[in-house]
Amino acid sequence: MGEIKKMEFGKKYQVGNFVVFKINKVLRKSEVRELRANMNIPTSEREKLKRAQLPYIKVEANSGIWAIEFCCNTQVYHMIDQLLGDGSETHINTLHHVFNMWFMDTTVAGDAEYQEAKAVALKSFMGRVQAKPISDEEDKKILDEMENDENQKAAIIEMAKHAEGEEGNNEG
């Protein structure tokens, strides 16, 4: 099985009337604090960590009037990263459709009937997704992602320990 191609950092990908790019984004202190809390990093270790950068994928209308971002810890980030990374025309067309749906979903409020129909469709979709058994392959993928998350958490804790050691060496 070949290596999965992913998007290049900084390169702009044109998808219909949207431009998509992968960037590293410096997080605000409050975002870092929340992320560290969600990762269950011990409080004593959190204080030693410096501000961080995380990969994001940004989808933006060519006009600049609309944009949406996804952090590297989301399924949507990985979906876009892989589908655009392989450059398949079919995948690009699929993403264009998805981006148009997101654009419409986030910019059209509609009336009560429209909102109710969306809620019914979402409830139906969630029922179908929950009803599907998970294949062994998908189960392995989920477990691999969980292991990767744990490895990232351990790496952050290790970076904090290393940073603490460097600060102690610089004080003398």
C-alpha atoms as a PDB file:
ATOM      1  CA  MET A   1       0.000   0.000   0.000  1.00  0.00           C
ATOM      2  CA  GLY A   2       1.440   3.376  -1.038  1.00  0.00           C
ATOM      3  CA  GLU A   3       2.041   6.401   1.123  1.00  0.00           C
ATOM      4  CA  ILE A   4      -0.945   8.700   1.526  1.00  0.00           C
ATOM      5  CA  LYS A   5      -0.270  12.052  -0.105  1.00  0.00           C
ATOM      6  CA  LYS A   6      -1.157  15.120   1.900  1.00  0.00           C
ATOM      7  CA  MET A   7      -1.391  18.826   1.230  1.00  0.00           C
ATOM      8  CA  GLU A   8       1.804  20.878   1.247  1.00  0.00           C
ATOM      9  CA  PHE A   9       2.118  23.600   3.894  1.00  0.00           C
ATOM     10  CA  GLY A  10       1.633  27.080   2.462  1.00  0.00           C
ATOM     11  CA  LYS A  11       0.562  25.902  -1.000  1.00  0.00           C
ATOM     12  CA  LYS A  12      -2.798  27.260  -2.169  1.00  0.00           C
ATOM     13  CA  TYR A  13      -5.205  24.776  -3.722  1.00  0.00           C
ATOM     14  CA  GLN A  14      -8.014  26.080  -5.920  1.00  0.00           C
ATOM     15  CA  VAL A  15     -11.288  24.191  -5.486  1.00  0.00           C
ATOM     16  CA  GLY A  16     -13.980  25.867  -7.563  1.00  0.00           C
ATOM     17  CA  ASN A  17     -14.643  29.269  -6.023  1.00  0.00           C
ATOM     18  CA  PHE A  18     -12.666  28.397  -2.860  1.00  0.00           C
ATOM     19  CA  VAL A  19      -8.982  28.471  -2.014  1.00  0.00           C
ATOM     20  CA  VAL A  20      -7.668  25.938   0.501  1.00  0.00           C
ATOM     21  CA  PHE A  21      -4.341  25.986   2.305  1.00  0.00           C
ATOM     22  CA  LYS A  22      -2.606  24.307   5.223  1.00  0.00           C
ATOM     23  CA  ILE A  23      -0.893  26.592   7.716  1.00  0.00           C
ATOM     24  CA  ASN A  24       0.671  26.514  11.151  1.00  0.00           C
ATOM     25  CA  LYS A  25      -1.257  28.759  13.475  1.00  0.00           C
ATOM     26  CA  VAL A  26       0.051  30.140  16.753  1.00  0.00           C
ATOM     27  CA  LEU A  27      -2.533  29.566  19.416  1.00  0.00           C
ATOM     28  CA  ARG A  28      -3.669  32.202  21.903  1.00  0.00           C
ATOM     29  CA  LYS A  29      -2.845  31.509  25.550  1.00  0.00           C
ATOM     30  CA  SER A  30      -6.492  30.657  26.271  1.00  0.00           C
ATOM     31  CA  GLU A  31      -6.581  28.183  23.359  1.00  0.00           C
ATOM     32  CA  VAL A  32      -3.373  26.499  24.516  1.00  0.00           C
ATOM     33  CA  ARG A  33      -4.703  26.321  28.089  1.00  0.00           C
ATOM     34  CA  GLU A  34      -7.958  24.716  26.892  1.00  0.00           C
ATOM     35  CA  LEU A  35      -6.153  22.291  24.576  1.00  0.00           C
ATOM     36  CA  ARG A  36      -3.800  21.184  27.345  1.00  0.00           C
ATOM     37  CA  ALA A  37      -6.705  20.728  29.744  1.00  0.00           C
ATOM     38  CA  ASN A  38      -8.602  18.646  27.166  1.00  0.00           C
ATOM     39  CA  MET A  39      -5.523  16.471  26.614  1.00  0.00           C
ATOM     40  CA  ASN A  40      -5.387  15.768  30.376  1.00  0.00           C
ATOM     41  CA  ILE A  41      -1.816  17.032  30.635  1.00  0.00           C
ATOM     42  CA  PRO A  42      -0.991  17.347  34.340  1.00  0.00           C
ATOM     43  CA  THR A  43      -1.250  20.915  35.650  1.00  0.00           C
ATOM     44  CA  SER A  44       2.384  20.882  36.786  1.00  0.00           C
ATOM     45  CA  GLU A  45       3.462  20.070  33.212  1.00  0.00           C
ATOM     46  CA  ARG A  46       1.068  22.571  31.565  1.00  0.00           C
ATOM     47  CA  GLU A  47       2.753  25.505  33.257  1.00  0.00           C
ATOM     48  CA  LYS A  48       6.132  24.623  31.706  1.00  0.00           C
ATOM     49  CA  LEU A  49       4.878  24.452  28.132  1.00  0.00           C
ATOM     50  CA  LYS A  50       5.378  27.408  25.822  1.00  0.00           C
ATOM     51  CA  ARG A  51       2.862  28.710  23.290  1.00  0.00           C
ATOM     52  CA  ALA A  52       2.392  26.294  20.478  1.00  0.00           C
ATOM     53  CA  GLN A  53       1.727  26.097  16.784  1.00  0.00           C
ATOM     54  CA  LEU A  54      -0.732  23.633  15.343  1.00  0.00           C
ATOM     55  CA  PRO A  55      -1.475  22.765  11.735  1.00  0.00           C
ATOM     56  CA  TYR A  56      -4.760  24.120  10.413  1.00  0.00           C
ATOM     57  CA  ILE A  57      -6.510  23.843   7.082  1.00  0.00           C
ATOM     58  CA  LYS A  58      -8.367  26.949   5.989  1.00  0.00           C
ATOM     59  CA  VAL A  59     -11.071  26.968   3.320  1.00  0.00           C
ATOM     60  CA  GLU A  60     -11.796  30.481   2.086  1.00  0.00           C
ATOM     61  CA  ALA A  61     -14.099  31.893  -0.584  1.00  0.00           C
ATOM     62  CA  ASN A  62     -12.098  33.579  -3.364  1.00  0.00           C
ATOM     63  CA  SER A  63     -13.939  36.799  -2.532  1.00  0.00           C
ATOM     64  CA  GLY A  64     -12.646  36.656   1.049  1.00  0.00           C
ATOM     65  CA  ILE A  65     -16.155  37.088   2.504  1.00  0.00           C
ATOM     66  CA  TRP A  66     -16.278  33.614   4.063  1.00  0.00           C
ATOM     67  CA  ALA A  67     -13.809  31.172   5.588  1.00  0.00           C
ATOM     68  CA  ILE A  68     -13.714  28.150   7.865  1.00  0.00           C
ATOM     69  CA  GLU A  69     -10.741  26.523   9.597  1.00  0.00           C
ATOM     70  CA  PHE A  70     -10.107  23.016  10.892  1.00  0.00           C
ATOM     71  CA  CYS A  71      -7.431  22.053  13.399  1.00  0.00           C
ATOM     72  CA  CYS A  72      -5.298  18.948  12.913  1.00  0.00           C
ATOM     73  CA  ASN A  73      -7.232  17.053  15.576  1.00  0.00           C
ATOM     74  CA  THR A  74     -10.447  16.863  13.519  1.00  0.00           C
ATOM     75  CA  GLN A  75     -11.633  14.257  11.041  1.00  0.00           C
ATOM     76  CA  VAL A  76     -12.495  16.994   8.536  1.00  0.00           C
ATOM     77  CA  TYR A  77      -8.868  18.236   8.587  1.00  0.00           C
ATOM     78  CA  HIS A  78      -7.628  14.753   7.703  1.00  0.00           C
ATOM     79  CA  MET A  79     -10.298  14.276   5.038  1.00  0.00           C
ATOM     80  CA  ILE A  80      -9.400  17.535   3.266  1.00  0.00           C
ATOM     81  CA  ASP A  81      -5.661  16.928   3.710  1.00  0.00           C
ATOM     82  CA  GLN A  82      -5.825  13.527   2.045  1.00  0.00           C
ATOM     83  CA  LEU A  83      -8.400  14.270  -0.661  1.00  0.00           C
ATOM     84  CA  LEU A  84      -6.629  17.419  -1.868  1.00  0.00           C
ATOM     85  CA  GLY A  85      -3.221  15.861  -1.345  1.00  0.00           C
ATOM     86  CA  ASP A  86      -3.827  13.154  -3.916  1.00  0.00           C
ATOM     87  CA  GLY A  87      -4.996  15.695  -6.528  1.00  0.00           C
ATOM     88  CA  SER A  88      -7.767  13.476  -7.926  1.00  0.00           C
ATOM     89  CA  GLU A  89     -10.292  15.427  -9.994  1.00  0.00           C
ATOM     90  CA  THR A  90     -13.082  13.330  -8.453  1.00  0.00           C
ATOM     91  CA  HIS A  91     -11.931  14.266  -4.934  1.00  0.00           C
ATOM     92  CA  ILE A  92     -11.605  17.937  -5.872  1.00  0.00           C
ATOM     93  CA  ASN A  93     -15.161  17.943  -7.266  1.00  0.00           C
ATOM     94  CA  THR A  94     -16.447  16.202  -4.130  1.00  0.00           C
ATOM     95  CA  LEU A  95     -14.728  18.772  -1.908  1.00  0.00           C
ATOM     96  CA  HIS A  96     -16.136  21.623  -4.014  1.00  0.00           C
ATOM     97  CA  HIS A  97     -19.623  20.265  -3.366  1.00  0.00           C
ATOM     98  CA  VAL A  98     -18.885  19.915   0.379  1.00  0.00           C
ATOM     99  CA  PHE A  99     -17.454  23.452   0.583  1.00  0.00           C
ATOM    100  CA  ASN A 100     -20.516  24.869  -1.194  1.00  0.00           C
ATOM    101  CA  MET A 101     -22.765  23.064   1.287  1.00  0.00           C
ATOM    102  CA  TRP A 102     -20.796  24.469   4.235  1.00  0.00           C
ATOM    103  CA  PHE A 103     -20.944  27.940   2.735  1.00  0.00           C
ATOM    104  CA  MET A 104     -24.716  27.732   2.250  1.00  0.00           C
ATOM    105  CA  ASP A 105     -25.262  26.114   5.642  1.00  0.00           C
ATOM    106  CA  THR A 106     -23.407  28.893   7.431  1.00  0.00           C
ATOM    107  CA  THR A 107     -24.761  31.867   5.475  1.00  0.00           C
ATOM    108  CA  VAL A 108     -28.437  31.038   4.856  1.00  0.00           C
ATOM    109  CA  ALA A 109     -30.641  31.216   7.934  1.00  0.00           C
ATOM    110  CA  GLY A 110     -33.844  30.350   6.093  1.00  0.00           C
ATOM    111  CA  ASP A 111     -37.275  30.219   7.649  1.00  0.00           C
ATOM    112  CA  ALA A 112     -38.677  27.914  10.347  1.00  0.00           C
ATOM    113  CA  GLU A 113     -39.626  25.241   7.805  1.00  0.00           C
ATOM    114  CA  TYR A 114     -36.073  25.224   6.386  1.00  0.00           C
ATOM    115  CA  GLN A 115     -34.539  24.981   9.878  1.00  0.00           C
ATOM    116  CA  GLU A 116     -36.907  22.160  10.843  1.00  0.00           C
ATOM    117  CA  ALA A 117     -36.094  20.222   7.656  1.00  0.00           C
ATOM    118  CA  LYS A 118     -32.364  20.583   8.383  1.00  0.00           C
ATOM    119  CA  ALA A 119     -32.884  19.301  11.934  1.00  0.00           C
ATOM    120  CA  VAL A 120     -34.874  16.287  10.671  1.00  0.00           C
ATOM    121  CA  ALA A 121     -32.210  15.505   8.040  1.00  0.00           C
ATOM    122  CA  LEU A 122     -29.426  15.742  10.635  1.00  0.00           C
ATOM    123  CA  LYS A 123     -31.286  13.509  13.079  1.00  0.00           C
ATOM    124  CA  SER A 124     -31.856  10.962  10.308  1.00  0.00           C
ATOM    125  CA  PHE A 125     -28.185  11.052   9.319  1.00  0.00           C
ATOM    126  CA  MET A 126     -27.022  10.604  12.915  1.00  0.00           C
ATOM    127  CA  GLY A 127     -29.331   7.602  13.249  1.00  0.00           C
ATOM    128  CA  ARG A 128     -27.861   5.993  10.123  1.00  0.00           C
ATOM    129  CA  VAL A 129     -24.295   6.617  11.273  1.00  0.00           C
ATOM    130  CA  GLN A 130     -24.929   5.231  14.746  1.00  0.00           C
ATOM    131  CA  ALA A 131     -26.682   2.158  13.334  1.00  0.00           C
ATOM    132  CA  LYS A 132     -23.668   1.059  11.257  1.00  0.00           C
ATOM    133  CA  PRO A 133     -21.377  -1.502  12.845  1.00  0.00           C
ATOM    134  CA  ILE A 134     -17.699  -0.598  12.757  1.00  0.00           C
ATOM    135  CA  SER A 135     -15.522  -2.809  10.567  1.00  0.00           C
ATOM    136  CA  ASP A 136     -12.282  -4.277  11.902  1.00  0.00           C
ATOM    137  CA  GLU A 137     -10.374  -1.941   9.576  1.00  0.00           C
ATOM    138  CA  GLU A 138     -12.180   1.149  10.872  1.00  0.00           C
ATOM    139  CA  ASP A 139     -11.784  -0.058  14.450  1.00  0.00           C
ATOM    140  CA  LYS A 140      -8.020  -0.385  13.871  1.00  0.00           C
ATOM    141  CA  LYS A 141      -7.940   3.115  12.370  1.00  0.00           C
ATOM    142  CA  ILE A 142      -9.727   4.539  15.416  1.00  0.00           C
ATOM    143  CA  LEU A 143      -7.344   2.749  17.772  1.00  0.00           C
ATOM    144  CA  ASP A 144      -4.355   4.000  15.746  1.00  0.00           C
ATOM    145  CA  GLU A 145      -5.678   7.576  15.990  1.00  0.00           C
ATOM    146  CA  MET A 146      -6.120   7.190  19.739  1.00  0.00           C
ATOM    147  CA  GLU A 147      -2.567   5.860  20.038  1.00  0.00           C
ATOM    148  CA  ASN A 148      -1.313   8.788  17.947  1.00  0.00           C
ATOM    149  CA  ASP A 149      -3.155  11.218  20.260  1.00  0.00           C
ATOM    150  CA  GLU A 150      -1.513   9.595  23.286  1.00  0.00           C
ATOM    151  CA  ASN A 151       1.907   9.804  21.600  1.00  0.00           C
ATOM    152  CA  GLN A 152       1.360  13.503  20.883  1.00  0.00           C
ATOM    153  CA  LYS A 153       0.380  14.079  24.493  1.00  0.00           C
ATOM    154  CA  ALA A 154       3.522  12.273  25.665  1.00  0.00           C
ATOM    155  CA  ALA A 155       5.643  14.347  23.248  1.00  0.00           C
ATOM    156  CA  ILE A 156       4.205  17.588  24.655  1.00  0.00           C
ATOM    157  CA  ILE A 157       4.933  16.443  28.209  1.00  0.00           C
ATOM    158  CA  GLU A 158       8.470  15.503  27.159  1.00  0.00           C
ATOM    159  CA  MET A 159       8.927  18.924  25.525  1.00  0.00           C
ATOM    160  CA  ALA A 160       7.854  20.555  28.794  1.00  0.00           C
ATOM    161  CA  LYS A 161      10.388  18.524  30.748  1.00  0.00           C
ATOM    162  CA  HIS A 162      13.093  19.413  28.231  1.00  0.00           C
ATOM    163  CA  ALA A 163      12.159  23.108  28.354  1.00  0.00           C
ATOM    164  CA  GLU A 164      12.304  23.021  32.147  1.00  0.00           C
ATOM    165  CA  GLY A 165      15.796  21.495  31.964  1.00  0.00           C
ATOM    166  CA  GLU A 166      17.000  24.188  29.547  1.00  0.00           C
ATOM    167  CA  GLU A 167      15.617  26.969  31.741  1.00  0.00           C
ATOM    168  CA  GLY A 168      17.462  25.482  34.753  1.00  0.00           C
ATOM    169  CA  ASN A 169      20.720  25.343  32.756  1.00  0.00           C
ATOM    170  CA  ASN A 170      20.351  28.944  31.589  1.00  0.00           C
ATOM    171  CA  GLU A 171      19.844  30.267  35.123  1.00  0.00           C
ATOM    172  CA  GLY A 172      23.327  29.262  36.298  1.00  0.00           C
END
